[in-house]
Amino acid sequence: MGMGTSRRIAVVVDGFIATAAAMLAVELCPRLRGYLIAAHRSVEVGHRVVLESSVRRTGAME
């Protein structure tokens, strides 16, 4: 994921586990937040919380 910032490439985050990994990546490299795009919102209870803290959401998830 960290390569996304150096090359200015968006990273699609798909699913709860990938989103949890993205949250950790954002803690290590805050600039990464602007390059992460969530593919969907999972039915997992904690997924919404993790999405709101670390990943941009698309309009389809509103």
PDB file of N, CA and C in Angstrom:
ATOM      1  N   MET A   1       0.810  -1.196   0.000  1.00  0.00           N
ATOM      2  CA  MET A   1       0.000   0.000   0.000  1.00  0.00           C
ATOM      3  C   MET A   1       0.851   1.257   0.000  1.00  0.00           C
ATOM      4  N   GLY A   2       1.977   1.214   0.669  1.00  0.00           N
ATOM      5  CA  GLY A   2       2.821   2.393   0.763  1.00  0.00           C
ATOM      6  C   GLY A   2       3.330   2.882  -0.582  1.00  0.00           C
ATOM      7  N   MET A   3       3.452   1.993  -1.546  1.00  0.00           N
ATOM      8  CA  MET A   3       3.894   2.392  -2.877  1.00  0.00           C
ATOM      9  C   MET A   3       2.870   3.279  -3.559  1.00  0.00           C
ATOM     10  N   GLY A   4       1.622   3.190  -3.144  1.00  0.00           N
ATOM     11  CA  GLY A   4       0.580   4.020  -3.745  1.00  0.00           C
ATOM     12  C   GLY A   4       0.857   5.499  -3.595  1.00  0.00           C
ATOM     13  N   THR A   5       1.390   5.918  -2.466  1.00  0.00           N
ATOM     14  CA  THR A   5       1.665   7.339  -2.260  1.00  0.00           C
ATOM     15  C   THR A   5       2.850   7.805  -3.076  1.00  0.00           C
ATOM     16  N   SER A   6       3.886   7.011  -3.167  1.00  0.00           N
ATOM     17  CA  SER A   6       5.067   7.449  -3.909  1.00  0.00           C
ATOM     18  C   SER A   6       4.795   7.515  -5.406  1.00  0.00           C
ATOM     19  N   ARG A   7       3.884   6.707  -5.882  1.00  0.00           N
ATOM     20  CA  ARG A   7       3.545   6.713  -7.308  1.00  0.00           C
ATOM     21  C   ARG A   7       2.222   7.411  -7.600  1.00  0.00           C
ATOM     22  N   ARG A   8       1.579   7.913  -6.550  1.00  0.00           N
ATOM     23  CA  ARG A   8       0.294   8.613  -6.659  1.00  0.00           C
ATOM     24  C   ARG A   8      -0.761   7.741  -7.341  1.00  0.00           C
ATOM     25  N   ILE A   9      -0.888   6.515  -6.875  1.00  0.00           N
ATOM     26  CA  ILE A   9      -1.838   5.548  -7.418  1.00  0.00           C
ATOM     27  C   ILE A   9      -2.873   5.223  -6.348  1.00  0.00           C
ATOM     28  N   ALA A  10      -4.146   5.227  -6.739  1.00  0.00           N
ATOM     29  CA  ALA A  10      -5.213   4.866  -5.801  1.00  0.00           C
ATOM     30  C   ALA A  10      -5.128   3.379  -5.472  1.00  0.00           C
ATOM     31  N   VAL A  11      -5.498   3.047  -4.237  1.00  0.00           N
ATOM     32  CA  VAL A  11      -5.504   1.656  -3.786  1.00  0.00           C
ATOM     33  C   VAL A  11      -6.931   1.307  -3.378  1.00  0.00           C
ATOM     34  N   VAL A  12      -7.518   0.298  -4.016  1.00  0.00           N
ATOM     35  CA  VAL A  12      -8.868  -0.139  -3.681  1.00  0.00           C
ATOM     36  C   VAL A  12      -8.778  -1.143  -2.536  1.00  0.00           C
ATOM     37  N   VAL A  13      -9.508  -0.853  -1.461  1.00  0.00           N
ATOM     38  CA  VAL A  13      -9.515  -1.709  -0.274  1.00  0.00           C
ATOM     39  C   VAL A  13     -10.819  -2.496  -0.295  1.00  0.00           C
ATOM     40  N   ASP A  14     -10.724  -3.821  -0.334  1.00  0.00           N
ATOM     41  CA  ASP A  14     -11.899  -4.663  -0.511  1.00  0.00           C
ATOM     42  C   ASP A  14     -12.080  -5.604   0.676  1.00  0.00           C
ATOM     43  N   GLY A  15     -13.025  -5.281   1.551  1.00  0.00           N
ATOM     44  CA  GLY A  15     -13.356  -6.171   2.654  1.00  0.00           C
ATOM     45  C   GLY A  15     -12.853  -5.709   4.003  1.00  0.00           C
ATOM     46  N   PHE A  16     -13.362  -6.352   5.036  1.00  0.00           N
ATOM     47  CA  PHE A  16     -13.077  -5.965   6.414  1.00  0.00           C
ATOM     48  C   PHE A  16     -11.611  -6.174   6.786  1.00  0.00           C
ATOM     49  N   ILE A  17     -11.049  -7.315   6.452  1.00  0.00           N
ATOM     50  CA  ILE A  17      -9.660  -7.594   6.825  1.00  0.00           C
ATOM     51  C   ILE A  17      -8.709  -6.652   6.097  1.00  0.00           C
ATOM     52  N   ALA A  18      -8.947  -6.418   4.811  1.00  0.00           N
ATOM     53  CA  ALA A  18      -8.107  -5.483   4.060  1.00  0.00           C
ATOM     54  C   ALA A  18      -8.235  -4.071   4.620  1.00  0.00           C
ATOM     55  N   THR A  19      -9.434  -3.709   5.078  1.00  0.00           N
ATOM     56  CA  THR A  19      -9.643  -2.387   5.659  1.00  0.00           C
ATOM     57  C   THR A  19      -8.912  -2.258   6.988  1.00  0.00           C
ATOM     58  N   ALA A  20      -8.895  -3.320   7.771  1.00  0.00           N
ATOM     59  CA  ALA A  20      -8.140  -3.301   9.027  1.00  0.00           C
ATOM     60  C   ALA A  20      -6.649  -3.125   8.740  1.00  0.00           C
ATOM     61  N   ALA A  21      -6.148  -3.782   7.707  1.00  0.00           N
ATOM     62  CA  ALA A  21      -4.745  -3.616   7.315  1.00  0.00           C
ATOM     63  C   ALA A  21      -4.494  -2.191   6.836  1.00  0.00           C
ATOM     64  N   ALA A  22      -5.461  -1.625   6.116  1.00  0.00           N
ATOM     65  CA  ALA A  22      -5.329  -0.244   5.649  1.00  0.00           C
ATOM     66  C   ALA A  22      -5.287   0.725   6.821  1.00  0.00           C
ATOM     67  N   MET A  23      -6.063   0.451   7.865  1.00  0.00           N
ATOM     68  CA  MET A  23      -6.057   1.308   9.049  1.00  0.00           C
ATOM     69  C   MET A  23      -4.661   1.323   9.673  1.00  0.00           C
ATOM     70  N   LEU A  24      -4.033   0.175   9.756  1.00  0.00           N
ATOM     71  CA  LEU A  24      -2.672   0.096  10.287  1.00  0.00           C
ATOM     72  C   LEU A  24      -1.700   0.848   9.377  1.00  0.00           C
ATOM     73  N   ALA A  25      -1.865   0.685   8.073  1.00  0.00           N
ATOM     74  CA  ALA A  25      -0.990   1.378   7.123  1.00  0.00           C
ATOM     75  C   ALA A  25      -1.114   2.895   7.265  1.00  0.00           C
ATOM     76  N   VAL A  26      -2.332   3.392   7.493  1.00  0.00           N
ATOM     77  CA  VAL A  26      -2.548   4.829   7.677  1.00  0.00           C
ATOM     78  C   VAL A  26      -1.886   5.311   8.964  1.00  0.00           C
ATOM     79  N   GLU A  27      -1.880   4.471   9.986  1.00  0.00           N
ATOM     80  CA  GLU A  27      -1.182   4.838  11.227  1.00  0.00           C
ATOM     81  C   GLU A  27       0.316   5.006  10.970  1.00  0.00           C
ATOM     82  N   LEU A  28       0.872   4.161  10.120  1.00  0.00           N
ATOM     83  CA  LEU A  28       2.299   4.223   9.806  1.00  0.00           C
ATOM     84  C   LEU A  28       2.633   5.325   8.809  1.00  0.00           C
ATOM     85  N   CYS A  29       1.704   5.608   7.900  1.00  0.00           N
ATOM     86  CA  CYS A  29       1.924   6.607   6.844  1.00  0.00           C
ATOM     87  C   CYS A  29       0.617   7.364   6.608  1.00  0.00           C
ATOM     88  N   PRO A  30       0.353   8.439   7.361  1.00  0.00           N
ATOM     89  CA  PRO A  30      -0.920   9.159   7.261  1.00  0.00           C
ATOM     90  C   PRO A  30      -1.259   9.678   5.861  1.00  0.00           C
ATOM     91  N   ARG A  31      -0.254   9.971   5.032  1.00  0.00           N
ATOM     92  CA  ARG A  31      -0.522  10.450   3.663  1.00  0.00           C
ATOM     93  C   ARG A  31      -1.290   9.424   2.844  1.00  0.00           C
ATOM     94  N   LEU A  32      -1.174   8.177   3.222  1.00  0.00           N
ATOM     95  CA  LEU A  32      -1.817   7.096   2.482  1.00  0.00           C
ATOM     96  C   LEU A  32      -3.337   7.230   2.451  1.00  0.00           C
ATOM     97  N   ARG A  33      -3.921   7.836   3.489  1.00  0.00           N
ATOM     98  CA  ARG A  33      -5.377   7.952   3.591  1.00  0.00           C
ATOM     99  C   ARG A  33      -6.010   8.511   2.309  1.00  0.00           C
ATOM    100  N   GLY A  34      -5.384   9.488   1.701  1.00  0.00           N
ATOM    101  CA  GLY A  34      -5.930  10.107   0.496  1.00  0.00           C
ATOM    102  C   GLY A  34      -5.924   9.221  -0.733  1.00  0.00           C
ATOM    103  N   TYR A  35      -5.245   8.087  -0.661  1.00  0.00           N
ATOM    104  CA  TYR A  35      -5.136   7.193  -1.811  1.00  0.00           C
ATOM    105  C   TYR A  35      -5.964   5.916  -1.669  1.00  0.00           C
ATOM    106  N   LEU A  36      -6.575   5.716  -0.513  1.00  0.00           N
ATOM    107  CA  LEU A  36      -7.350   4.501  -0.266  1.00  0.00           C
ATOM    108  C   LEU A  36      -8.819   4.713  -0.614  1.00  0.00           C
ATOM    109  N   ILE A  37      -9.386   3.791  -1.347  1.00  0.00           N
ATOM    110  CA  ILE A  37     -10.798   3.852  -1.723  1.00  0.00           C
ATOM    111  C   ILE A  37     -11.437   2.517  -1.347  1.00  0.00           C
ATOM    112  N   ALA A  38     -12.516   2.571  -0.581  1.00  0.00           N
ATOM    113  CA  ALA A  38     -13.212   1.351  -0.167  1.00  0.00           C
ATOM    114  C   ALA A  38     -14.075   0.825  -1.307  1.00  0.00           C
ATOM    115  N   ALA A  39     -13.994  -0.472  -1.554  1.00  0.00           N
ATOM    116  CA  ALA A  39     -14.790  -1.096  -2.608  1.00  0.00           C
ATOM    117  C   ALA A  39     -16.244  -1.269  -2.182  1.00  0.00           C
ATOM    118  N   HIS A  40     -16.465  -1.544  -0.905  1.00  0.00           N
ATOM    119  CA  HIS A  40     -17.822  -1.735  -0.397  1.00  0.00           C
ATOM    120  C   HIS A  40     -17.798  -1.670   1.123  1.00  0.00           C
ATOM    121  N   ARG A  41     -18.984  -1.703   1.711  1.00  0.00           N
ATOM    122  CA  ARG A  41     -19.076  -1.763   3.175  1.00  0.00           C
ATOM    123  C   ARG A  41     -19.578  -3.148   3.554  1.00  0.00           C
ATOM    124  N   SER A  42     -18.790  -3.851   4.329  1.00  0.00           N
ATOM    125  CA  SER A  42     -19.092  -5.218   4.755  1.00  0.00           C
ATOM    126  C   SER A  42     -20.208  -5.229   5.802  1.00  0.00           C
ATOM    127  N   VAL A  43     -20.794  -6.392   6.008  1.00  0.00           N
ATOM    128  CA  VAL A  43     -21.804  -6.543   7.056  1.00  0.00           C
ATOM    129  C   VAL A  43     -21.161  -6.721   8.428  1.00  0.00           C
ATOM    130  N   GLU A  44     -19.840  -6.868   8.472  1.00  0.00           N
ATOM    131  CA  GLU A  44     -19.129  -6.977   9.751  1.00  0.00           C
ATOM    132  C   GLU A  44     -19.399  -5.730  10.585  1.00  0.00           C
ATOM    133  N   VAL A  45     -19.651  -5.912  11.858  1.00  0.00           N
ATOM    134  CA  VAL A  45     -20.021  -4.807  12.746  1.00  0.00           C
ATOM    135  C   VAL A  45     -18.964  -3.704  12.777  1.00  0.00           C
ATOM    136  N   GLY A  46     -17.708  -4.059  12.867  1.00  0.00           N
ATOM    137  CA  GLY A  46     -16.654  -3.062  12.999  1.00  0.00           C
ATOM    138  C   GLY A  46     -16.209  -2.412  11.706  1.00  0.00           C
ATOM    139  N   HIS A  47     -16.687  -2.903  10.578  1.00  0.00           N
ATOM    140  CA  HIS A  47     -16.203  -2.393   9.300  1.00  0.00           C
ATOM    141  C   HIS A  47     -16.512  -0.912   9.115  1.00  0.00           C
ATOM    142  N   ARG A  48     -17.700  -0.486   9.476  1.00  0.00           N
ATOM    143  CA  ARG A  48     -18.070   0.924   9.325  1.00  0.00           C
ATOM    144  C   ARG A  48     -17.131   1.815  10.126  1.00  0.00           C
ATOM    145  N   VAL A  49     -16.829   1.406  11.350  1.00  0.00           N
ATOM    146  CA  VAL A  49     -15.955   2.196  12.221  1.00  0.00           C
ATOM    147  C   VAL A  49     -14.562   2.319  11.611  1.00  0.00           C
ATOM    148  N   VAL A  50     -14.040   1.216  11.113  1.00  0.00           N
ATOM    149  CA  VAL A  50     -12.707   1.234  10.513  1.00  0.00           C
ATOM    150  C   VAL A  50     -12.709   2.078   9.242  1.00  0.00           C
ATOM    151  N   LEU A  51     -13.759   1.957   8.436  1.00  0.00           N
ATOM    152  CA  LEU A  51     -13.857   2.768   7.219  1.00  0.00           C
ATOM    153  C   LEU A  51     -13.828   4.253   7.544  1.00  0.00           C
ATOM    154  N   GLU A  52     -14.601   4.651   8.532  1.00  0.00           N
ATOM    155  CA  GLU A  52     -14.679   6.065   8.874  1.00  0.00           C
ATOM    156  C   GLU A  52     -13.353   6.603   9.389  1.00  0.00           C
ATOM    157  N   SER A  53     -12.548   5.752   9.973  1.00  0.00           N
ATOM    158  CA  SER A  53     -11.291   6.230  10.537  1.00  0.00           C
ATOM    159  C   SER A  53     -10.133   6.234   9.543  1.00  0.00           C
ATOM    160  N   SER A  54     -10.242   5.489   8.441  1.00  0.00           N
ATOM    161  CA  SER A  54      -9.045   5.381   7.615  1.00  0.00           C
ATOM    162  C   SER A  54      -9.221   5.395   6.104  1.00  0.00           C
ATOM    163  N   VAL A  55     -10.403   5.156   5.582  1.00  0.00           N
ATOM    164  CA  VAL A  55     -10.554   4.968   4.145  1.00  0.00           C
ATOM    165  C   VAL A  55     -11.650   5.870   3.594  1.00  0.00           C
ATOM    166  N   ARG A  56     -11.414   6.433   2.401  1.00  0.00           N
ATOM    167  CA  ARG A  56     -12.453   7.221   1.737  1.00  0.00           C
ATOM    168  C   ARG A  56     -13.549   6.289   1.246  1.00  0.00           C
ATOM    169  N   ARG A  57     -14.784   6.768   1.349  1.00  0.00           N
ATOM    170  CA  ARG A  57     -15.906   5.964   0.870  1.00  0.00           C
ATOM    171  C   ARG A  57     -16.424   6.556  -0.430  1.00  0.00           C
ATOM    172  N   THR A  58     -16.985   5.719  -1.268  1.00  0.00           N
ATOM    173  CA  THR A  58     -17.603   6.212  -2.491  1.00  0.00           C
ATOM    174  C   THR A  58     -19.036   6.611  -2.190  1.00  0.00           C
ATOM    175  N   GLY A  59     -19.643   7.380  -3.049  1.00  0.00           N
ATOM    176  CA  GLY A  59     -21.021   7.823  -2.856  1.00  0.00           C
ATOM    177  C   GLY A  59     -22.005   6.671  -2.782  1.00  0.00           C
ATOM    178  N   ALA A  60     -21.680   5.544  -3.386  1.00  0.00           N
ATOM    179  CA  ALA A  60     -22.572   4.385  -3.390  1.00  0.00           C
ATOM    180  C   ALA A  60     -22.741   3.781  -2.005  1.00  0.00           C
ATOM    181  N   MET A  61     -21.846   4.097  -1.078  1.00  0.00           N
ATOM    182  CA  MET A  61     -21.917   3.508   0.260  1.00  0.00           C
ATOM    183  C   MET A  61     -22.673   4.377   1.246  1.00  0.00           C
ATOM    184  N   GLU A  62     -23.147   5.511   0.827  1.00  0.00           N
ATOM    185  CA  GLU A  62     -23.876   6.415   1.738  1.00  0.00           C
ATOM    186  C   GLU A  62     -25.231   5.846   2.076  1.00  0.00           C
TER     187      GLU A  62
END
